[in-house]
Amino acid sequence: MTEEKRSNLEPKPQAPARATSEVWDDEQEQETIVPLTRAQAERLFGPDVGRASRVTPFRVVGAQVLLSLVATLAWWLLSTSPRDAAVSAWLGGMIGWIPGALFALRLRMSGDRLSVGSLVMGEAVKVVTTIALLVAVAFGYPGIHWVAFLVTFVLTLKAYWLAMVLK
């Protein structure tokens, strides 16, 4: 074997590795991402992969309202003080779906001008609205039943997952 071929086979010295916290994303090698073909996507996700989702933001909000009503009825039927428990449950449900309804309305109004910035702003509106409503209920409704309120609030938030499963 000649010296030139032998030198090609030997490992070349490399620079010492830096800690991962020192490496910036733009310094790393760029990976080429190859999109799936339609046939590959259908094999992975099924034949309905190209169909638009039936789960819209307004359907999720509708499911949240329905779940709030069902939970309110359950608290009214099963509680020892039905009126206060039902009102607390309804308020908890409303705090779950009112911010989502505002976000869905914002999405509909933005139409084709939708951007990442508008989505971030919509999420910020949801968070601020949720906090404001929680504070308003905590200080404005003295007869609140916290268990009914919080359980219904959490159930209403979980309607997102229910809507995704039942799509």
N, C-alpha and C. Protein backbone atom coordinates (compact mmCIF):
# COMPACT_ATOMS: atom_id res chain seq x y z
N MET A 1 0.85 -1.16 0.00
CA MET A 1 0.00 0.00 0.00
C MET A 1 0.90 1.23 0.00
N THR A 2 0.56 2.21 -0.79
CA THR A 2 1.40 3.41 -0.87
C THR A 2 1.14 4.30 0.33
N GLU A 3 2.04 5.21 0.56
CA GLU A 3 1.93 6.12 1.71
C GLU A 3 0.69 7.00 1.59
N GLU A 4 0.34 7.38 0.38
CA GLU A 4 -0.82 8.26 0.18
C GLU A 4 -2.11 7.55 0.55
N LYS A 5 -2.27 6.29 0.16
CA LYS A 5 -3.47 5.52 0.50
C LYS A 5 -3.53 5.25 2.00
N ARG A 6 -2.35 4.97 2.59
CA ARG A 6 -2.31 4.70 4.02
C ARG A 6 -2.72 5.94 4.81
N SER A 7 -2.32 7.10 4.40
CA SER A 7 -2.67 8.32 5.12
C SER A 7 -4.16 8.62 5.02
N ASN A 8 -4.78 8.18 3.93
CA ASN A 8 -6.23 8.38 3.80
C ASN A 8 -7.01 7.46 4.73
N LEU A 9 -6.46 6.33 5.09
CA LEU A 9 -7.16 5.38 5.94
C LEU A 9 -7.01 5.70 7.42
N GLU A 10 -5.98 6.39 7.79
CA GLU A 10 -5.76 6.71 9.19
C GLU A 10 -6.70 7.83 9.63
N PRO A 11 -7.17 7.75 10.86
CA PRO A 11 -8.07 8.81 11.32
C PRO A 11 -7.32 10.14 11.44
N LYS A 12 -7.99 11.19 11.05
CA LYS A 12 -7.39 12.51 11.13
C LYS A 12 -7.70 13.11 12.49
N PRO A 13 -6.78 13.88 13.02
CA PRO A 13 -7.05 14.49 14.33
C PRO A 13 -8.21 15.47 14.23
N GLN A 14 -9.02 15.50 15.27
CA GLN A 14 -10.18 16.38 15.30
C GLN A 14 -10.02 17.38 16.42
N ALA A 15 -10.73 18.48 16.27
CA ALA A 15 -10.73 19.49 17.32
C ALA A 15 -11.46 18.93 18.53
N PRO A 16 -11.04 19.34 19.74
CA PRO A 16 -11.73 18.83 20.93
C PRO A 16 -13.20 19.25 20.91
N ALA A 17 -14.04 18.35 21.38
CA ALA A 17 -15.49 18.61 21.41
C ALA A 17 -15.80 19.66 22.46
N ARG A 18 -16.71 20.55 22.11
CA ARG A 18 -17.15 21.58 23.06
C ARG A 18 -18.37 21.08 23.82
N ALA A 19 -18.60 21.66 24.94
CA ALA A 19 -19.80 21.31 25.72
C ALA A 19 -21.03 21.69 24.91
N THR A 20 -22.09 20.94 25.05
CA THR A 20 -23.29 21.20 24.25
C THR A 20 -23.90 22.56 24.54
N SER A 21 -23.67 23.10 25.72
CA SER A 21 -24.24 24.40 26.02
C SER A 21 -23.53 25.52 25.26
N GLU A 22 -22.32 25.24 24.77
CA GLU A 22 -21.58 26.24 24.03
C GLU A 22 -21.87 26.21 22.54
N VAL A 23 -22.51 25.17 22.06
CA VAL A 23 -22.75 25.02 20.63
C VAL A 23 -24.04 25.73 20.26
N TRP A 24 -23.95 26.59 19.27
CA TRP A 24 -25.13 27.29 18.79
C TRP A 24 -25.78 26.51 17.66
N ASP A 25 -27.06 26.69 17.50
CA ASP A 25 -27.78 25.97 16.45
C ASP A 25 -27.22 26.25 15.08
N ASP A 26 -26.80 27.49 14.79
CA ASP A 26 -26.33 27.81 13.46
C ASP A 26 -24.93 27.27 13.18
N GLU A 27 -24.23 26.80 14.22
CA GLU A 27 -22.91 26.22 14.03
C GLU A 27 -22.99 24.72 13.73
N GLN A 28 -24.11 24.11 14.01
CA GLN A 28 -24.26 22.68 13.77
C GLN A 28 -24.54 22.45 12.29
N GLU A 29 -24.28 21.25 11.86
CA GLU A 29 -24.58 20.90 10.48
C GLU A 29 -26.08 20.94 10.25
N GLN A 30 -26.47 21.45 9.12
CA GLN A 30 -27.88 21.50 8.77
C GLN A 30 -28.31 20.15 8.20
N GLU A 31 -29.34 19.58 8.79
CA GLU A 31 -29.87 18.32 8.27
C GLU A 31 -30.87 18.62 7.17
N THR A 32 -30.84 17.82 6.15
CA THR A 32 -31.79 17.98 5.07
C THR A 32 -33.04 17.18 5.41
N ILE A 33 -34.17 17.86 5.46
CA ILE A 33 -35.43 17.21 5.79
C ILE A 33 -36.16 16.93 4.49
N VAL A 34 -36.44 15.67 4.27
CA VAL A 34 -37.12 15.26 3.05
C VAL A 34 -38.59 15.02 3.37
N PRO A 35 -39.50 15.77 2.74
CA PRO A 35 -40.92 15.56 3.03
C PRO A 35 -41.40 14.21 2.51
N LEU A 36 -42.44 13.70 3.15
CA LEU A 36 -43.03 12.44 2.72
C LEU A 36 -43.78 12.62 1.41
N THR A 37 -43.77 11.58 0.62
CA THR A 37 -44.64 11.59 -0.56
C THR A 37 -46.05 11.27 -0.09
N ARG A 38 -47.03 11.49 -0.95
CA ARG A 38 -48.41 11.20 -0.58
C ARG A 38 -48.59 9.72 -0.25
N ALA A 39 -47.94 8.84 -1.03
CA ALA A 39 -48.06 7.40 -0.78
C ALA A 39 -47.46 7.03 0.58
N GLN A 40 -46.31 7.61 0.92
CA GLN A 40 -45.70 7.34 2.22
C GLN A 40 -46.59 7.85 3.35
N ALA A 41 -47.15 9.03 3.19
CA ALA A 41 -48.03 9.60 4.21
C ALA A 41 -49.27 8.74 4.39
N GLU A 42 -49.84 8.25 3.30
CA GLU A 42 -51.02 7.39 3.39
C GLU A 42 -50.69 6.08 4.08
N ARG A 43 -49.50 5.53 3.82
CA ARG A 43 -49.10 4.29 4.49
C ARG A 43 -48.95 4.52 5.99
N LEU A 44 -48.40 5.67 6.38
CA LEU A 44 -48.18 5.95 7.80
C LEU A 44 -49.45 6.34 8.54
N PHE A 45 -50.26 7.21 7.92
CA PHE A 45 -51.38 7.82 8.64
C PHE A 45 -52.76 7.38 8.16
N GLY A 46 -52.83 6.58 7.11
CA GLY A 46 -54.12 6.12 6.62
C GLY A 46 -54.57 6.90 5.40
N PRO A 47 -55.62 6.41 4.76
CA PRO A 47 -56.06 7.02 3.49
C PRO A 47 -56.67 8.41 3.64
N ASP A 48 -57.08 8.80 4.84
CA ASP A 48 -57.70 10.12 5.03
C ASP A 48 -56.69 11.20 5.38
N VAL A 49 -55.42 10.97 5.09
CA VAL A 49 -54.38 11.90 5.50
C VAL A 49 -54.54 13.27 4.85
N GLY A 50 -55.06 13.34 3.67
CA GLY A 50 -55.19 14.62 2.97
C GLY A 50 -56.47 15.37 3.29
N ARG A 51 -57.39 14.72 3.97
CA ARG A 51 -58.67 15.36 4.29
C ARG A 51 -58.50 16.41 5.37
N ALA A 52 -59.16 17.51 5.20
CA ALA A 52 -59.09 18.57 6.22
C ALA A 52 -59.70 18.07 7.53
N SER A 53 -59.15 18.52 8.63
CA SER A 53 -59.63 18.10 9.94
C SER A 53 -61.03 18.65 10.20
N ARG A 54 -61.87 17.83 10.79
CA ARG A 54 -63.20 18.29 11.18
C ARG A 54 -63.18 18.99 12.52
N VAL A 55 -62.05 18.92 13.22
CA VAL A 55 -61.93 19.56 14.53
C VAL A 55 -61.53 21.01 14.30
N THR A 56 -62.50 21.90 14.44
CA THR A 56 -62.25 23.32 14.30
C THR A 56 -62.24 23.96 15.69
N PRO A 57 -61.68 25.15 15.82
CA PRO A 57 -61.69 25.79 17.14
C PRO A 57 -63.10 25.99 17.70
N PHE A 58 -64.07 26.30 16.82
CA PHE A 58 -65.43 26.49 17.31
C PHE A 58 -66.07 25.18 17.74
N ARG A 59 -65.71 24.07 17.13
CA ARG A 59 -66.20 22.77 17.59
C ARG A 59 -65.65 22.43 18.97
N VAL A 60 -64.38 22.78 19.19
CA VAL A 60 -63.78 22.54 20.50
C VAL A 60 -64.50 23.38 21.55
N VAL A 61 -64.75 24.66 21.23
CA VAL A 61 -65.46 25.53 22.17
C VAL A 61 -66.87 24.99 22.42
N GLY A 62 -67.54 24.52 21.37
CA GLY A 62 -68.86 23.92 21.55
C GLY A 62 -68.81 22.70 22.46
N ALA A 63 -67.78 21.87 22.30
CA ALA A 63 -67.63 20.71 23.18
C ALA A 63 -67.37 21.15 24.62
N GLN A 64 -66.62 22.24 24.79
CA GLN A 64 -66.35 22.75 26.13
C GLN A 64 -67.63 23.27 26.78
N VAL A 65 -68.46 23.97 26.02
CA VAL A 65 -69.72 24.49 26.56
C VAL A 65 -70.62 23.31 26.96
N LEU A 66 -70.72 22.32 26.09
CA LEU A 66 -71.54 21.15 26.38
C LEU A 66 -71.04 20.42 27.63
N LEU A 67 -69.74 20.25 27.73
CA LEU A 67 -69.17 19.58 28.90
C LEU A 67 -69.41 20.41 30.17
N SER A 68 -69.36 21.73 30.05
CA SER A 68 -69.66 22.60 31.20
C SER A 68 -71.10 22.42 31.65
N LEU A 69 -72.01 22.34 30.69
CA LEU A 69 -73.43 22.15 31.03
C LEU A 69 -73.66 20.80 31.71
N VAL A 70 -73.03 19.75 31.19
CA VAL A 70 -73.18 18.42 31.78
C VAL A 70 -72.61 18.40 33.20
N ALA A 71 -71.44 18.99 33.38
CA ALA A 71 -70.83 19.02 34.71
C ALA A 71 -71.67 19.85 35.68
N THR A 72 -72.22 20.96 35.19
CA THR A 72 -73.07 21.80 36.04
C THR A 72 -74.30 21.02 36.49
N LEU A 73 -74.91 20.30 35.56
CA LEU A 73 -76.07 19.48 35.90
C LEU A 73 -75.69 18.40 36.91
N ALA A 74 -74.53 17.78 36.73
CA ALA A 74 -74.09 16.74 37.66
C ALA A 74 -73.86 17.31 39.06
N TRP A 75 -73.23 18.48 39.15
CA TRP A 75 -73.02 19.10 40.46
C TRP A 75 -74.35 19.51 41.09
N TRP A 76 -75.28 19.96 40.28
CA TRP A 76 -76.59 20.36 40.80
C TRP A 76 -77.34 19.14 41.37
N LEU A 77 -77.24 18.00 40.67
CA LEU A 77 -77.95 16.80 41.11
C LEU A 77 -77.28 16.11 42.31
N LEU A 78 -75.96 16.18 42.40
CA LEU A 78 -75.24 15.37 43.38
C LEU A 78 -74.74 16.14 44.60
N SER A 79 -74.89 17.44 44.62
CA SER A 79 -74.33 18.22 45.73
C SER A 79 -75.36 18.41 46.84
N THR A 80 -74.85 18.66 48.05
CA THR A 80 -75.74 18.94 49.18
C THR A 80 -76.28 20.37 49.12
N SER A 81 -75.55 21.27 48.48
CA SER A 81 -76.06 22.63 48.24
C SER A 81 -76.05 22.86 46.72
N PRO A 82 -77.09 22.39 46.06
CA PRO A 82 -77.08 22.32 44.60
C PRO A 82 -76.91 23.66 43.89
N ARG A 83 -77.55 24.72 44.40
CA ARG A 83 -77.48 25.99 43.70
C ARG A 83 -76.05 26.53 43.64
N ASP A 84 -75.39 26.60 44.80
CA ASP A 84 -74.03 27.13 44.85
C ASP A 84 -73.04 26.25 44.09
N ALA A 85 -73.21 24.95 44.19
CA ALA A 85 -72.31 24.04 43.48
C ALA A 85 -72.50 24.16 41.97
N ALA A 86 -73.75 24.28 41.52
CA ALA A 86 -74.01 24.40 40.09
C ALA A 86 -73.49 25.73 39.55
N VAL A 87 -73.70 26.81 40.28
CA VAL A 87 -73.18 28.11 39.84
C VAL A 87 -71.66 28.08 39.80
N SER A 88 -71.04 27.47 40.80
CA SER A 88 -69.58 27.37 40.83
C SER A 88 -69.07 26.54 39.66
N ALA A 89 -69.75 25.44 39.38
CA ALA A 89 -69.35 24.59 38.25
C ALA A 89 -69.50 25.35 36.93
N TRP A 90 -70.59 26.07 36.76
CA TRP A 90 -70.81 26.82 35.53
C TRP A 90 -69.74 27.90 35.37
N LEU A 91 -69.39 28.58 36.46
CA LEU A 91 -68.34 29.60 36.39
C LEU A 91 -66.99 28.97 36.03
N GLY A 92 -66.69 27.82 36.60
CA GLY A 92 -65.45 27.12 36.26
C GLY A 92 -65.42 26.72 34.80
N GLY A 93 -66.55 26.24 34.30
CA GLY A 93 -66.62 25.89 32.89
C GLY A 93 -66.47 27.10 31.99
N MET A 94 -67.11 28.20 32.37
CA MET A 94 -67.02 29.42 31.57
C MET A 94 -65.59 29.94 31.49
N ILE A 95 -64.87 29.85 32.60
CA ILE A 95 -63.48 30.29 32.58
C ILE A 95 -62.64 29.38 31.68
N GLY A 96 -63.10 28.18 31.47
CA GLY A 96 -62.43 27.29 30.53
C GLY A 96 -62.73 27.58 29.08
N TRP A 97 -63.98 27.98 28.76
CA TRP A 97 -64.32 28.13 27.34
C TRP A 97 -64.37 29.56 26.83
N ILE A 98 -64.54 30.55 27.68
CA ILE A 98 -64.57 31.94 27.18
C ILE A 98 -63.24 32.34 26.53
N PRO A 99 -62.08 32.08 27.15
CA PRO A 99 -60.82 32.43 26.47
C PRO A 99 -60.64 31.68 25.15
N GLY A 100 -61.05 30.42 25.11
CA GLY A 100 -60.97 29.66 23.87
C GLY A 100 -61.86 30.23 22.79
N ALA A 101 -63.05 30.70 23.18
CA ALA A 101 -63.96 31.32 22.22
C ALA A 101 -63.36 32.62 21.68
N LEU A 102 -62.72 33.40 22.55
CA LEU A 102 -62.06 34.62 22.09
C LEU A 102 -60.94 34.31 21.09
N PHE A 103 -60.18 33.25 21.38
CA PHE A 103 -59.11 32.85 20.48
C PHE A 103 -59.66 32.38 19.13
N ALA A 104 -60.72 31.58 19.17
CA ALA A 104 -61.33 31.10 17.93
C ALA A 104 -61.89 32.26 17.11
N LEU A 105 -62.49 33.22 17.78
CA LEU A 105 -63.00 34.40 17.09
C LEU A 105 -61.87 35.19 16.46
N ARG A 106 -60.78 35.31 17.18
CA ARG A 106 -59.61 36.01 16.63
C ARG A 106 -59.07 35.28 15.40
N LEU A 107 -59.03 33.96 15.44
CA LEU A 107 -58.59 33.19 14.28
C LEU A 107 -59.50 33.42 13.08
N ARG A 108 -60.80 33.41 13.32
CA ARG A 108 -61.75 33.61 12.22
C ARG A 108 -61.62 35.01 11.64
N MET A 109 -61.42 36.01 12.50
CA MET A 109 -61.31 37.38 12.01
C MET A 109 -60.01 37.62 11.25
N SER A 110 -58.94 36.89 11.60
CA SER A 110 -57.67 37.10 10.91
C SER A 110 -57.69 36.53 9.50
N GLY A 111 -58.52 35.52 9.25
CA GLY A 111 -58.67 34.97 7.91
C GLY A 111 -57.35 34.48 7.32
N ASP A 112 -56.98 35.02 6.16
CA ASP A 112 -55.76 34.60 5.47
C ASP A 112 -54.52 35.30 6.01
N ARG A 113 -54.68 36.27 6.88
CA ARG A 113 -53.54 37.03 7.41
C ARG A 113 -52.95 36.37 8.65
N LEU A 114 -53.20 35.11 8.85
CA LEU A 114 -52.75 34.40 10.04
C LEU A 114 -51.23 34.29 10.04
N SER A 115 -50.61 34.61 11.16
CA SER A 115 -49.16 34.51 11.30
C SER A 115 -48.82 33.95 12.68
N VAL A 116 -47.57 33.63 12.86
CA VAL A 116 -47.12 33.12 14.15
C VAL A 116 -47.34 34.18 15.22
N GLY A 117 -47.08 35.42 14.87
CA GLY A 117 -47.27 36.51 15.83
C GLY A 117 -48.71 36.64 16.29
N SER A 118 -49.65 36.46 15.35
CA SER A 118 -51.06 36.55 15.75
C SER A 118 -51.47 35.36 16.61
N LEU A 119 -50.89 34.19 16.37
CA LEU A 119 -51.17 33.03 17.22
C LEU A 119 -50.62 33.25 18.63
N VAL A 120 -49.42 33.80 18.71
CA VAL A 120 -48.83 34.09 20.03
C VAL A 120 -49.66 35.13 20.76
N MET A 121 -50.10 36.16 20.03
CA MET A 121 -50.93 37.19 20.65
C MET A 121 -52.27 36.59 21.11
N GLY A 122 -52.84 35.70 20.32
CA GLY A 122 -54.08 35.04 20.71
C GLY A 122 -53.90 34.21 21.97
N GLU A 123 -52.79 33.51 22.06
CA GLU A 123 -52.51 32.72 23.28
C GLU A 123 -52.31 33.64 24.48
N ALA A 124 -51.67 34.77 24.27
CA ALA A 124 -51.48 35.73 25.37
C ALA A 124 -52.83 36.26 25.85
N VAL A 125 -53.73 36.53 24.91
CA VAL A 125 -55.08 36.99 25.28
C VAL A 125 -55.79 35.90 26.09
N LYS A 126 -55.63 34.63 25.69
CA LYS A 126 -56.24 33.54 26.44
C LYS A 126 -55.73 33.47 27.86
N VAL A 127 -54.42 33.58 28.03
CA VAL A 127 -53.83 33.49 29.37
C VAL A 127 -54.29 34.65 30.24
N VAL A 128 -54.22 35.86 29.70
CA VAL A 128 -54.61 37.05 30.48
C VAL A 128 -56.10 36.98 30.83
N THR A 129 -56.93 36.58 29.89
CA THR A 129 -58.37 36.47 30.14
C THR A 129 -58.65 35.42 31.22
N THR A 130 -57.97 34.29 31.13
CA THR A 130 -58.17 33.22 32.13
C THR A 130 -57.79 33.71 33.52
N ILE A 131 -56.65 34.35 33.63
CA ILE A 131 -56.20 34.85 34.94
C ILE A 131 -57.18 35.90 35.47
N ALA A 132 -57.60 36.83 34.60
CA ALA A 132 -58.53 37.88 35.03
C ALA A 132 -59.85 37.28 35.50
N LEU A 133 -60.36 36.29 34.78
CA LEU A 133 -61.63 35.67 35.18
C LEU A 133 -61.47 34.89 36.48
N LEU A 134 -60.34 34.19 36.65
CA LEU A 134 -60.11 33.46 37.90
C LEU A 134 -60.07 34.42 39.09
N VAL A 135 -59.38 35.53 38.94
CA VAL A 135 -59.30 36.52 40.02
C VAL A 135 -60.68 37.13 40.29
N ALA A 136 -61.41 37.44 39.22
CA ALA A 136 -62.74 38.03 39.38
C ALA A 136 -63.68 37.09 40.14
N VAL A 137 -63.64 35.81 39.81
CA VAL A 137 -64.51 34.86 40.50
C VAL A 137 -64.05 34.67 41.95
N ALA A 138 -62.75 34.57 42.16
CA ALA A 138 -62.23 34.35 43.52
C ALA A 138 -62.61 35.48 44.46
N PHE A 139 -62.58 36.72 43.96
CA PHE A 139 -62.89 37.86 44.84
C PHE A 139 -64.34 38.33 44.71
N GLY A 140 -65.01 37.97 43.62
CA GLY A 140 -66.35 38.50 43.39
C GLY A 140 -67.49 37.58 43.75
N TYR A 141 -67.21 36.32 43.98
CA TYR A 141 -68.28 35.37 44.31
C TYR A 141 -67.94 34.68 45.62
N PRO A 142 -68.47 35.19 46.73
CA PRO A 142 -68.07 34.66 48.05
C PRO A 142 -68.58 33.24 48.32
N GLY A 143 -69.66 32.81 47.70
CA GLY A 143 -70.21 31.48 47.99
C GLY A 143 -69.67 30.39 47.08
N ILE A 144 -68.48 30.55 46.56
CA ILE A 144 -67.96 29.58 45.59
C ILE A 144 -67.65 28.24 46.25
N HIS A 145 -67.98 27.19 45.56
CA HIS A 145 -67.60 25.82 45.95
C HIS A 145 -66.36 25.49 45.12
N TRP A 146 -65.21 25.54 45.76
CA TRP A 146 -63.95 25.42 45.03
C TRP A 146 -63.79 24.08 44.33
N VAL A 147 -64.27 23.03 44.92
CA VAL A 147 -64.12 21.71 44.29
C VAL A 147 -64.92 21.66 42.99
N ALA A 148 -66.17 22.06 43.04
CA ALA A 148 -66.99 22.06 41.82
C ALA A 148 -66.40 23.01 40.78
N PHE A 149 -65.95 24.16 41.21
CA PHE A 149 -65.37 25.16 40.32
C PHE A 149 -64.13 24.62 39.61
N LEU A 150 -63.19 24.10 40.39
CA LEU A 150 -61.92 23.65 39.81
C LEU A 150 -62.05 22.37 39.01
N VAL A 151 -62.89 21.44 39.48
CA VAL A 151 -63.08 20.19 38.73
C VAL A 151 -63.69 20.48 37.37
N THR A 152 -64.70 21.34 37.33
CA THR A 152 -65.33 21.67 36.05
C THR A 152 -64.37 22.45 35.16
N PHE A 153 -63.58 23.33 35.74
CA PHE A 153 -62.58 24.08 34.97
C PHE A 153 -61.59 23.13 34.30
N VAL A 154 -61.07 22.17 35.05
CA VAL A 154 -60.11 21.21 34.50
C VAL A 154 -60.78 20.33 33.45
N LEU A 155 -62.00 19.86 33.71
CA LEU A 155 -62.71 19.06 32.72
C LEU A 155 -62.92 19.83 31.42
N THR A 156 -63.25 21.09 31.54
CA THR A 156 -63.46 21.92 30.36
C THR A 156 -62.17 22.07 29.57
N LEU A 157 -61.06 22.24 30.25
CA LEU A 157 -59.78 22.34 29.55
C LEU A 157 -59.43 21.03 28.85
N LYS A 158 -59.83 19.92 29.40
CA LYS A 158 -59.53 18.62 28.80
C LYS A 158 -60.41 18.32 27.58
N ALA A 159 -61.37 19.17 27.30
CA ALA A 159 -62.22 18.97 26.12
C ALA A 159 -61.40 19.06 24.84
N TYR A 160 -60.26 19.76 24.86
CA TYR A 160 -59.37 19.79 23.70
C TYR A 160 -58.94 18.38 23.34
N TRP A 161 -58.52 17.62 24.35
CA TRP A 161 -58.08 16.25 24.10
C TRP A 161 -59.24 15.37 23.66
N LEU A 162 -60.39 15.58 24.25
CA LEU A 162 -61.57 14.81 23.87
C LEU A 162 -61.93 15.09 22.41
N ALA A 163 -61.86 16.34 22.00
CA ALA A 163 -62.18 16.69 20.61
C ALA A 163 -61.18 16.07 19.64
N MET A 164 -59.92 15.99 20.02
CA MET A 164 -58.92 15.39 19.15
C MET A 164 -59.12 13.88 19.04
N VAL A 165 -59.53 13.24 20.13
CA VAL A 165 -59.73 11.79 20.10
C VAL A 165 -60.99 11.45 19.30
N LEU A 166 -62.04 12.24 19.45
CA LEU A 166 -63.31 11.94 18.78
C LEU A 166 -63.43 12.51 17.38
N LYS A 167 -62.35 13.04 16.85
CA LYS A 167 -62.43 13.68 15.52
C LYS A 167 -62.91 12.71 14.50
